[in-house]
PDB file of all heavy atoms in Angstrom:
ATOM      1  N   ASP A   1      11.563   5.668  -9.142  1.00  0.00           N
ATOM      2  CA  ASP A   1      11.534   5.164  -7.768  1.00  0.00           C
ATOM      3  C   ASP A   1      10.479   4.080  -7.620  1.00  0.00           C
ATOM      4  O   ASP A   1      10.679   3.093  -6.944  1.00  0.00           O
ATOM      5  CB  ASP A   1      11.250   6.319  -6.811  1.00  0.00           C
ATOM      6  CG  ASP A   1      11.451   5.902  -5.366  1.00  0.00           C
ATOM      7  OD1 ASP A   1      12.561   5.458  -5.035  1.00  0.00           O
ATOM      8  OD2 ASP A   1      10.485   6.004  -4.602  1.00  0.00           O
ATOM      9  N   ALA A   2       9.357   4.262  -8.313  1.00  0.00           N
ATOM     10  CA  ALA A   2       8.312   3.246  -8.253  1.00  0.00           C
ATOM     11  C   ALA A   2       8.789   1.947  -8.878  1.00  0.00           C
ATOM     12  O   ALA A   2       8.486   0.858  -8.410  1.00  0.00           O
ATOM     13  CB  ALA A   2       7.055   3.750  -8.966  1.00  0.00           C
ATOM     14  N   ASP A   3       9.562   2.060  -9.984  1.00  0.00           N
ATOM     15  CA  ASP A   3      10.088   0.872 -10.635  1.00  0.00           C
ATOM     16  C   ASP A   3      10.990   0.085  -9.699  1.00  0.00           C
ATOM     17  O   ASP A   3      11.126  -1.125  -9.817  1.00  0.00           O
ATOM     18  CB  ASP A   3      10.890   1.245 -11.884  1.00  0.00           C
ATOM     19  CG  ASP A   3       9.989   1.717 -13.010  1.00  0.00           C
ATOM     20  OD1 ASP A   3       8.787   1.411 -12.960  1.00  0.00           O
ATOM     21  OD2 ASP A   3      10.499   2.380 -13.930  1.00  0.00           O
ATOM     22  N   LEU A   4      11.642   0.773  -8.767  1.00  0.00           N
ATOM     23  CA  LEU A   4      12.532   0.105  -7.836  1.00  0.00           C
ATOM     24  C   LEU A   4      11.771  -0.658  -6.756  1.00  0.00           C
ATOM     25  O   LEU A   4      12.347  -1.442  -6.024  1.00  0.00           O
ATOM     26  CB  LEU A   4      13.451   1.131  -7.154  1.00  0.00           C
ATOM     27  CG  LEU A   4      14.482   1.769  -8.081  1.00  0.00           C
ATOM     28  CD1 LEU A   4      15.112   2.961  -7.392  1.00  0.00           C
ATOM     29  CD2 LEU A   4      15.547   0.757  -8.430  1.00  0.00           C
ATOM     30  N   ALA A   5      10.468  -0.418  -6.666  1.00  0.00           N
ATOM     31  CA  ALA A   5       9.617  -1.085  -5.675  1.00  0.00           C
ATOM     32  C   ALA A   5      10.129  -0.872  -4.263  1.00  0.00           C
ATOM     33  O   ALA A   5      10.032  -1.732  -3.415  1.00  0.00           O
ATOM     34  CB  ALA A   5       9.501  -2.574  -5.971  1.00  0.00           C
ATOM     35  N   LEU A   6      10.694   0.321  -4.033  1.00  0.00           N
ATOM     36  CA  LEU A   6      11.136   0.653  -2.674  1.00  0.00           C
ATOM     37  C   LEU A   6      10.015   1.450  -2.029  1.00  0.00           C
ATOM     38  O   LEU A   6       9.867   2.636  -2.261  1.00  0.00           O
ATOM     39  CB  LEU A   6      12.399   1.511  -2.726  1.00  0.00           C
ATOM     40  CG  LEU A   6      13.658   0.808  -3.197  1.00  0.00           C
ATOM     41  CD1 LEU A   6      14.794   1.802  -3.239  1.00  0.00           C
ATOM     42  CD2 LEU A   6      14.005  -0.337  -2.273  1.00  0.00           C
ATOM     43  N   TYR A   7       9.197   0.790  -1.259  1.00  0.00           N
ATOM     44  CA  TYR A   7       8.090   1.512  -0.662  1.00  0.00           C
ATOM     45  C   TYR A   7       7.776   0.921   0.697  1.00  0.00           C
ATOM     46  O   TYR A   7       8.112  -0.207   1.009  1.00  0.00           O
ATOM     47  CB  TYR A   7       6.851   1.474  -1.572  1.00  0.00           C
ATOM     48  CG  TYR A   7       6.317   0.087  -1.822  1.00  0.00           C
ATOM     49  CD1 TYR A   7       5.402  -0.489  -0.948  1.00  0.00           C
ATOM     50  CD2 TYR A   7       6.749  -0.655  -2.932  1.00  0.00           C
ATOM     51  CE1 TYR A   7       4.922  -1.764  -1.180  1.00  0.00           C
ATOM     52  CE2 TYR A   7       6.271  -1.912  -3.158  1.00  0.00           C
ATOM     53  CZ  TYR A   7       5.363  -2.469  -2.290  1.00  0.00           C
ATOM     54  OH  TYR A   7       4.894  -3.732  -2.511  1.00  0.00           O
ATOM     55  N   THR A   8       7.100   1.730   1.489  1.00  0.00           N
ATOM     56  CA  THR A   8       6.595   1.275   2.780  1.00  0.00           C
ATOM     57  C   THR A   8       5.085   1.208   2.689  1.00  0.00           C
ATOM     58  O   THR A   8       4.440   2.191   2.372  1.00  0.00           O
ATOM     59  CB  THR A   8       7.004   2.261   3.887  1.00  0.00           C
ATOM     60  OG1 THR A   8       8.423   2.362   3.879  1.00  0.00           O
ATOM     61  CG2 THR A   8       6.535   1.772   5.234  1.00  0.00           C
ATOM     62  N   HIS A   9       4.544   0.043   2.944  1.00  0.00           N
ATOM     63  CA  HIS A   9       3.108  -0.158   2.826  1.00  0.00           C
ATOM     64  C   HIS A   9       2.522  -0.101   4.232  1.00  0.00           C
ATOM     65  O   HIS A   9       2.697  -1.024   5.014  1.00  0.00           O
ATOM     66  CB  HIS A   9       2.853  -1.517   2.160  1.00  0.00           C
ATOM     67  CG  HIS A   9       1.406  -1.772   1.870  1.00  0.00           C
ATOM     68  ND1 HIS A   9       0.982  -2.882   1.194  1.00  0.00           N
ATOM     69  CD2 HIS A   9       0.292  -1.065   2.163  1.00  0.00           C
ATOM     70  CE1 HIS A   9      -0.320  -2.873   1.085  1.00  0.00           C
ATOM     71  NE2 HIS A   9      -0.766  -1.778   1.665  1.00  0.00           N
ATOM     72  N   HIS A  10       1.845   0.974   4.553  1.00  0.00           N
ATOM     73  CA  HIS A  10       1.210   1.105   5.861  1.00  0.00           C
ATOM     74  C   HIS A  10      -0.083   0.286   5.843  1.00  0.00           C
ATOM     75  O   HIS A  10      -1.019   0.589   5.118  1.00  0.00           O
ATOM     76  CB  HIS A  10       0.905   2.586   6.154  1.00  0.00           C
ATOM     77  CG  HIS A  10       2.159   3.398   6.246  1.00  0.00           C
ATOM     78  ND1 HIS A  10       2.973   3.404   7.354  1.00  0.00           N
ATOM     79  CD2 HIS A  10       2.743   4.211   5.347  1.00  0.00           C
ATOM     80  CE1 HIS A  10       4.004   4.212   7.151  1.00  0.00           C
ATOM     81  NE2 HIS A  10       3.891   4.701   5.932  1.00  0.00           N
ATOM     82  N   HIS A  11      -0.121  -0.759   6.641  1.00  0.00           N
ATOM     83  CA  HIS A  11      -1.188  -1.742   6.557  1.00  0.00           C
ATOM     84  C   HIS A  11      -2.420  -1.241   7.322  1.00  0.00           C
ATOM     85  O   HIS A  11      -2.696  -1.670   8.429  1.00  0.00           O
ATOM     86  CB  HIS A  11      -0.677  -3.055   7.158  1.00  0.00           C
ATOM     87  CG  HIS A  11      -1.287  -4.254   6.523  1.00  0.00           C
ATOM     88  ND1 HIS A  11      -0.540  -5.301   6.055  1.00  0.00           N
ATOM     89  CD2 HIS A  11      -2.573  -4.567   6.250  1.00  0.00           C
ATOM     90  CE1 HIS A  11      -1.325  -6.231   5.557  1.00  0.00           C
ATOM     91  NE2 HIS A  11      -2.566  -5.811   5.657  1.00  0.00           N
ATOM     92  N   ASP A  12      -3.178  -0.342   6.668  1.00  0.00           N
ATOM     93  CA  ASP A  12      -4.346   0.205   7.335  1.00  0.00           C
ATOM     94  C   ASP A  12      -5.637  -0.302   6.710  1.00  0.00           C
ATOM     95  O   ASP A  12      -6.648   0.357   6.697  1.00  0.00           O
ATOM     96  CB  ASP A  12      -4.307   1.741   7.317  1.00  0.00           C
ATOM     97  CG  ASP A  12      -4.142   2.303   5.912  1.00  0.00           C
ATOM     98  OD1 ASP A  12      -4.101   1.493   4.957  1.00  0.00           O
ATOM     99  OD2 ASP A  12      -4.053   3.526   5.788  1.00  0.00           O
ATOM    100  N   HIS A  13      -5.551  -1.535   6.132  1.00  0.00           N
ATOM    101  CA  HIS A  13      -6.780  -2.154   5.645  1.00  0.00           C
ATOM    102  C   HIS A  13      -6.730  -3.628   6.028  1.00  0.00           C
ATOM    103  O   HIS A  13      -5.740  -4.127   6.539  1.00  0.00           O
ATOM    104  CB  HIS A  13      -6.904  -2.001   4.115  1.00  0.00           C
ATOM    105  CG  HIS A  13      -5.730  -2.550   3.366  1.00  0.00           C
ATOM    106  ND1 HIS A  13      -4.687  -1.775   2.947  1.00  0.00           N
ATOM    107  CD2 HIS A  13      -5.435  -3.828   2.995  1.00  0.00           C
ATOM    108  CE1 HIS A  13      -3.797  -2.533   2.317  1.00  0.00           C
ATOM    109  NE2 HIS A  13      -4.219  -3.780   2.339  1.00  0.00           N
ATOM    110  N   THR A  14      -7.817  -4.349   5.774  1.00  0.00           N
ATOM    111  CA  THR A  14      -7.884  -5.768   6.132  1.00  0.00           C
ATOM    112  C   THR A  14      -8.014  -6.613   4.874  1.00  0.00           C
ATOM    113  O   THR A  14      -8.291  -6.095   3.785  1.00  0.00           O
ATOM    114  CB  THR A  14      -9.082  -6.035   7.056  1.00  0.00           C
ATOM    115  OG1 THR A  14     -10.279  -5.597   6.399  1.00  0.00           O
ATOM    116  CG2 THR A  14      -8.918  -5.295   8.367  1.00  0.00           C
ATOM    117  N   HIS A  15      -7.820  -7.911   5.015  1.00  0.00           N
ATOM    118  CA  HIS A  15      -7.896  -8.833   3.892  1.00  0.00           C
ATOM    119  C   HIS A  15      -8.986  -9.860   4.146  1.00  0.00           C
ATOM    120  O   HIS A  15      -9.290 -10.207   5.282  1.00  0.00           O
ATOM    121  CB  HIS A  15      -6.554  -9.561   3.716  1.00  0.00           C
ATOM    122  CG  HIS A  15      -5.430  -8.650   3.354  1.00  0.00           C
ATOM    123  ND1 HIS A  15      -4.985  -8.472   2.071  1.00  0.00           N
ATOM    124  CD2 HIS A  15      -4.657  -7.836   4.133  1.00  0.00           C
ATOM    125  CE1 HIS A  15      -3.982  -7.618   2.056  1.00  0.00           C
ATOM    126  NE2 HIS A  15      -3.769  -7.220   3.290  1.00  0.00           N
ATOM    127  N   ASP A  16      -9.541 -10.391   3.041  1.00  0.00           N
ATOM    128  CA  ASP A  16     -10.513 -11.468   3.201  1.00  0.00           C
ATOM    129  C   ASP A  16      -9.786 -12.805   3.293  1.00  0.00           C
ATOM    130  O   ASP A  16      -8.560 -12.866   3.323  1.00  0.00           O
ATOM    131  CB  ASP A  16     -11.530 -11.459   2.041  1.00  0.00           C
ATOM    132  CG  ASP A  16     -10.869 -11.700   0.683  1.00  0.00           C
ATOM    133  OD1 ASP A  16      -9.736 -12.227   0.657  1.00  0.00           O
ATOM    134  OD2 ASP A  16     -11.509 -11.377  -0.336  1.00  0.00           O
ATOM    135  N   ALA A  17     -10.558 -13.908   3.308  1.00  0.00           N
ATOM    136  CA  ALA A  17      -9.964 -15.231   3.514  1.00  0.00           C
ATOM    137  C   ALA A  17      -9.036 -15.634   2.377  1.00  0.00           C
ATOM    138  O   ALA A  17      -8.169 -16.488   2.538  1.00  0.00           O
ATOM    139  CB  ALA A  17     -11.077 -16.271   3.672  1.00  0.00           C
ATOM    140  N   LEU A  18      -9.227 -15.030   1.194  1.00  0.00           N
ATOM    141  CA  LEU A  18      -8.378 -15.348   0.051  1.00  0.00           C
ATOM    142  C   LEU A  18      -7.179 -14.420  -0.055  1.00  0.00           C
ATOM    143  O   LEU A  18      -6.387 -14.529  -0.988  1.00  0.00           O
ATOM    144  CB  LEU A  18      -9.203 -15.257  -1.249  1.00  0.00           C
ATOM    145  CG  LEU A  18     -10.357 -16.246  -1.349  1.00  0.00           C
ATOM    146  CD1 LEU A  18     -11.147 -16.009  -2.624  1.00  0.00           C
ATOM    147  CD2 LEU A  18      -9.854 -17.686  -1.297  1.00  0.00           C
ATOM    148  N   GLY A  19      -7.060 -13.486   0.896  1.00  0.00           N
ATOM    149  CA  GLY A  19      -5.920 -12.581   0.884  1.00  0.00           C
ATOM    150  C   GLY A  19      -6.157 -11.301   0.113  1.00  0.00           C
ATOM    151  O   GLY A  19      -5.257 -10.474  -0.016  1.00  0.00           O
ATOM    152  N   GLU A  20      -7.355 -11.110  -0.447  1.00  0.00           N
ATOM    153  CA  GLU A  20      -7.648  -9.898  -1.191  1.00  0.00           C
ATOM    154  C   GLU A  20      -7.930  -8.748  -0.230  1.00  0.00           C
ATOM    155  O   GLU A  20      -8.551  -8.938   0.819  1.00  0.00           O
ATOM    156  CB  GLU A  20      -8.878 -10.110  -2.098  1.00  0.00           C
ATOM    157  CG  GLU A  20      -8.671 -11.149  -3.184  1.00  0.00           C
ATOM    158  CD  GLU A  20      -7.628 -10.725  -4.187  1.00  0.00           C
ATOM    159  OE1 GLU A  20      -7.512  -9.498  -4.417  1.00  0.00           O
ATOM    160  OE2 GLU A  20      -6.925 -11.591  -4.737  1.00  0.00           O
ATOM    161  N   ALA A  21      -7.478  -7.533  -0.603  1.00  0.00           N
ATOM    162  CA  ALA A  21      -7.710  -6.367   0.232  1.00  0.00           C
ATOM    163  C   ALA A  21      -9.183  -5.981   0.188  1.00  0.00           C
ATOM    164  O   ALA A  21      -9.798  -5.932  -0.876  1.00  0.00           O
ATOM    165  CB  ALA A  21      -6.863  -5.197  -0.252  1.00  0.00           C
ATOM    166  N   LEU A  22      -9.761  -5.749   1.357  1.00  0.00           N
ATOM    167  CA  LEU A  22     -11.136  -5.280   1.428  1.00  0.00           C
ATOM    168  C   LEU A  22     -11.175  -3.786   1.169  1.00  0.00           C
ATOM    169  O   LEU A  22     -10.173  -3.096   1.339  1.00  0.00           O
ATOM    170  CB  LEU A  22     -11.720  -5.608   2.810  1.00  0.00           C
ATOM    171  CG  LEU A  22     -11.838  -7.102   3.123  1.00  0.00           C
ATOM    172  CD1 LEU A  22     -12.259  -7.294   4.573  1.00  0.00           C
ATOM    173  CD2 LEU A  22     -12.842  -7.763   2.184  1.00  0.00           C
ATOM    174  N   PRO A  23     -12.329  -3.238   0.724  1.00  0.00           N
ATOM    175  CA  PRO A  23     -12.404  -1.802   0.423  1.00  0.00           C
ATOM    176  C   PRO A  23     -11.911  -0.949   1.575  1.00  0.00           C
ATOM    177  O   PRO A  23     -12.181  -1.218   2.737  1.00  0.00           O
ATOM    178  CB  PRO A  23     -13.902  -1.576   0.159  1.00  0.00           C
ATOM    179  CG  PRO A  23     -14.393  -2.917  -0.299  1.00  0.00           C
ATOM    180  CD  PRO A  23     -13.604  -3.925   0.488  1.00  0.00           C
ATOM    181  N   GLY A  24     -11.180   0.087   1.224  1.00  0.00           N
ATOM    182  CA  GLY A  24     -10.595   0.985   2.210  1.00  0.00           C
ATOM    183  C   GLY A  24      -9.539   1.809   1.531  1.00  0.00           C
ATOM    184  O   GLY A  24      -9.408   1.777   0.322  1.00  0.00           O
ATOM    185  N   ILE A  25      -8.776   2.530   2.304  1.00  0.00           N
ATOM    186  CA  ILE A  25      -7.726   3.363   1.741  1.00  0.00           C
ATOM    187  C   ILE A  25      -6.380   2.801   2.143  1.00  0.00           C
ATOM    188  O   ILE A  25      -6.128   2.571   3.315  1.00  0.00           O
ATOM    189  CB  ILE A  25      -7.846   4.819   2.221  1.00  0.00           C
ATOM    190  CG1 ILE A  25      -9.157   5.420   1.707  1.00  0.00           C
ATOM    191  CG2 ILE A  25      -6.665   5.650   1.769  1.00  0.00           C
ATOM    192  CD1 ILE A  25      -9.398   6.823   2.208  1.00  0.00           C
ATOM    193  N   ALA A  26      -5.555   2.539   1.169  1.00  0.00           N
ATOM    194  CA  ALA A  26      -4.195   2.057   1.444  1.00  0.00           C
ATOM    195  C   ALA A  26      -3.230   3.202   1.233  1.00  0.00           C
ATOM    196  O   ALA A  26      -3.273   3.872   0.211  1.00  0.00           O
ATOM    197  CB  ALA A  26      -3.845   0.902   0.504  1.00  0.00           C
ATOM    198  N   HIS A  27      -2.367   3.433   2.194  1.00  0.00           N
ATOM    199  CA  HIS A  27      -1.386   4.506   2.103  1.00  0.00           C
ATOM    200  C   HIS A  27      -0.068   3.923   1.632  1.00  0.00           C
ATOM    201  O   HIS A  27       0.468   3.013   2.244  1.00  0.00           O
ATOM    202  CB  HIS A  27      -1.189   5.153   3.476  1.00  0.00           C
ATOM    203  CG  HIS A  27      -0.200   6.269   3.461  1.00  0.00           C
ATOM    204  ND1 HIS A  27      -0.484   7.494   2.934  1.00  0.00           N
ATOM    205  CD2 HIS A  27       1.088   6.315   3.904  1.00  0.00           C
ATOM    206  CE1 HIS A  27       0.568   8.278   3.071  1.00  0.00           C
ATOM    207  NE2 HIS A  27       1.544   7.584   3.648  1.00  0.00           N
ATOM    208  N   VAL A  28       0.404   4.397   0.510  1.00  0.00           N
ATOM    209  CA  VAL A  28       1.665   3.903  -0.062  1.00  0.00           C
ATOM    210  C   VAL A  28       2.668   5.040  -0.070  1.00  0.00           C
ATOM    211  O   VAL A  28       2.374   6.131  -0.549  1.00  0.00           O
ATOM    212  CB  VAL A  28       1.449   3.389  -1.502  1.00  0.00           C
ATOM    213  CG1 VAL A  28       2.767   2.852  -2.055  1.00  0.00           C
ATOM    214  CG2 VAL A  28       0.384   2.307  -1.525  1.00  0.00           C
ATOM    215  N   HIS A  29       3.850   4.781   0.468  1.00  0.00           N
ATOM    216  CA  HIS A  29       4.886   5.805   0.525  1.00  0.00           C
ATOM    217  C   HIS A  29       6.070   5.390  -0.321  1.00  0.00           C
ATOM    218  O   HIS A  29       6.648   4.338  -0.121  1.00  0.00           O
ATOM    219  CB  HIS A  29       5.361   5.997   1.963  1.00  0.00           C
ATOM    220  CG  HIS A  29       6.513   6.946   2.076  1.00  0.00           C
ATOM    221  ND1 HIS A  29       6.377   8.296   1.901  1.00  0.00           N
ATOM    222  CD2 HIS A  29       7.835   6.712   2.309  1.00  0.00           C
ATOM    223  CE1 HIS A  29       7.556   8.867   2.052  1.00  0.00           C
ATOM    224  NE2 HIS A  29       8.465   7.925   2.273  1.00  0.00           N
ATOM    225  N   HIS A  30       6.375   6.194  -1.306  1.00  0.00           N
ATOM    226  CA  HIS A  30       7.578   5.999  -2.098  1.00  0.00           C
ATOM    227  C   HIS A  30       8.603   7.018  -1.646  1.00  0.00           C
ATOM    228  O   HIS A  30       8.258   8.129  -1.253  1.00  0.00           O
ATOM    229  CB  HIS A  30       7.295   6.220  -3.599  1.00  0.00           C
ATOM    230  CG  HIS A  30       6.397   5.173  -4.186  1.00  0.00           C
ATOM    231  ND1 HIS A  30       6.867   3.974  -4.649  1.00  0.00           N
ATOM    232  CD2 HIS A  30       5.051   5.156  -4.358  1.00  0.00           C
ATOM    233  CE1 HIS A  30       5.862   3.263  -5.117  1.00  0.00           C
ATOM    234  NE2 HIS A  30       4.755   3.950  -4.946  1.00  0.00           N
ATOM    235  N   ALA A  31       9.881   6.643  -1.755  1.00  0.00           N
ATOM    236  CA  ALA A  31      10.934   7.585  -1.383  1.00  0.00           C
ATOM    237  C   ALA A  31      10.823   8.830  -2.247  1.00  0.00           C
ATOM    238  O   ALA A  31      10.948   8.775  -3.449  1.00  0.00           O
ATOM    239  CB  ALA A  31      12.303   6.931  -1.584  1.00  0.00           C
ATOM    240  N   GLY A  32      10.544   9.943  -1.625  1.00  0.00           N
ATOM    241  CA  GLY A  32      10.453  11.202  -2.352  1.00  0.00           C
ATOM    242  C   GLY A  32       9.130  11.399  -3.055  1.00  0.00           C
ATOM    243  O   GLY A  32       8.968  12.318  -3.824  1.00  0.00           O
ATOM    244  N   CYS A  33       8.154  10.496  -2.855  1.00  0.00           N
ATOM    245  CA  CYS A  33       6.886  10.585  -3.576  1.00  0.00           C
ATOM    246  C   CYS A  33       5.820   9.947  -2.714  1.00  0.00           C
ATOM    247  O   CYS A  33       5.918   8.774  -2.371  1.00  0.00           O
ATOM    248  CB  CYS A  33       7.012   9.835  -4.910  1.00  0.00           C
ATOM    249  SG  CYS A  33       5.543   9.877  -5.918  1.00  0.00           S
ATOM    250  N   GLU A  34       4.802  10.669  -2.347  1.00  0.00           N
ATOM    251  CA  GLU A  34       3.827  10.136  -1.403  1.00  0.00           C
ATOM    252  C   GLU A  34       2.428  10.416  -1.909  1.00  0.00           C
ATOM    253  O   GLU A  34       2.113  11.488  -2.413  1.00  0.00           O
ATOM    254  CB  GLU A  34       4.044  10.788  -0.035  1.00  0.00           C
ATOM    255  CG  GLU A  34       3.166  10.210   1.057  1.00  0.00           C
ATOM    256  CD  GLU A  34       3.566  10.749   2.421  1.00  0.00           C
ATOM    257  OE1 GLU A  34       4.755  10.963   2.646  1.00  0.00           O
ATOM    258  OE2 GLU A  34       2.655  10.977   3.228  1.00  0.00           O
ATOM    259  N   HIS A  35       1.568   9.405  -1.805  1.00  0.00           N
ATOM    260  CA  HIS A  35       0.179   9.607  -2.203  1.00  0.00           C
ATOM    261  C   HIS A  35      -0.691   8.547  -1.538  1.00  0.00           C
ATOM    262  O   HIS A  35      -0.219   7.512  -1.115  1.00  0.00           O
ATOM    263  CB  HIS A  35       0.026   9.536  -3.723  1.00  0.00           C
ATOM    264  CG  HIS A  35       0.518   8.260  -4.313  1.00  0.00           C
ATOM    265  ND1 HIS A  35       1.834   8.075  -4.671  1.00  0.00           N
ATOM    266  CD2 HIS A  35      -0.106   7.093  -4.585  1.00  0.00           C
ATOM    267  CE1 HIS A  35       2.009   6.865  -5.158  1.00  0.00           C
ATOM    268  NE2 HIS A  35       0.836   6.237  -5.114  1.00  0.00           N
ATOM    269  N   ASP A  36      -1.993   8.822  -1.484  1.00  0.00           N
ATOM    270  CA  ASP A  36      -2.961   7.845  -1.014  1.00  0.00           C
ATOM    271  C   ASP A  36      -3.689   7.284  -2.221  1.00  0.00           C
ATOM    272  O   ASP A  36      -3.938   7.977  -3.202  1.00  0.00           O
ATOM    273  CB  ASP A  36      -3.982   8.500  -0.079  1.00  0.00           C
ATOM    274  CG  ASP A  36      -3.354   8.871   1.240  1.00  0.00           C
ATOM    275  OD1 ASP A  36      -2.446   8.146   1.703  1.00  0.00           O
ATOM    276  OD2 ASP A  36      -3.752   9.892   1.795  1.00  0.00           O
TER     277      ASP A  36
END
């Protein structure tokens, strides 16, 4: 399922001016598989 890249990215973090994610917790949901 991960190989299929079917996921919902809950955007609960911020990015810097270059687009990089700042420290925080990103919640990634895969169909049938969930983890932080």
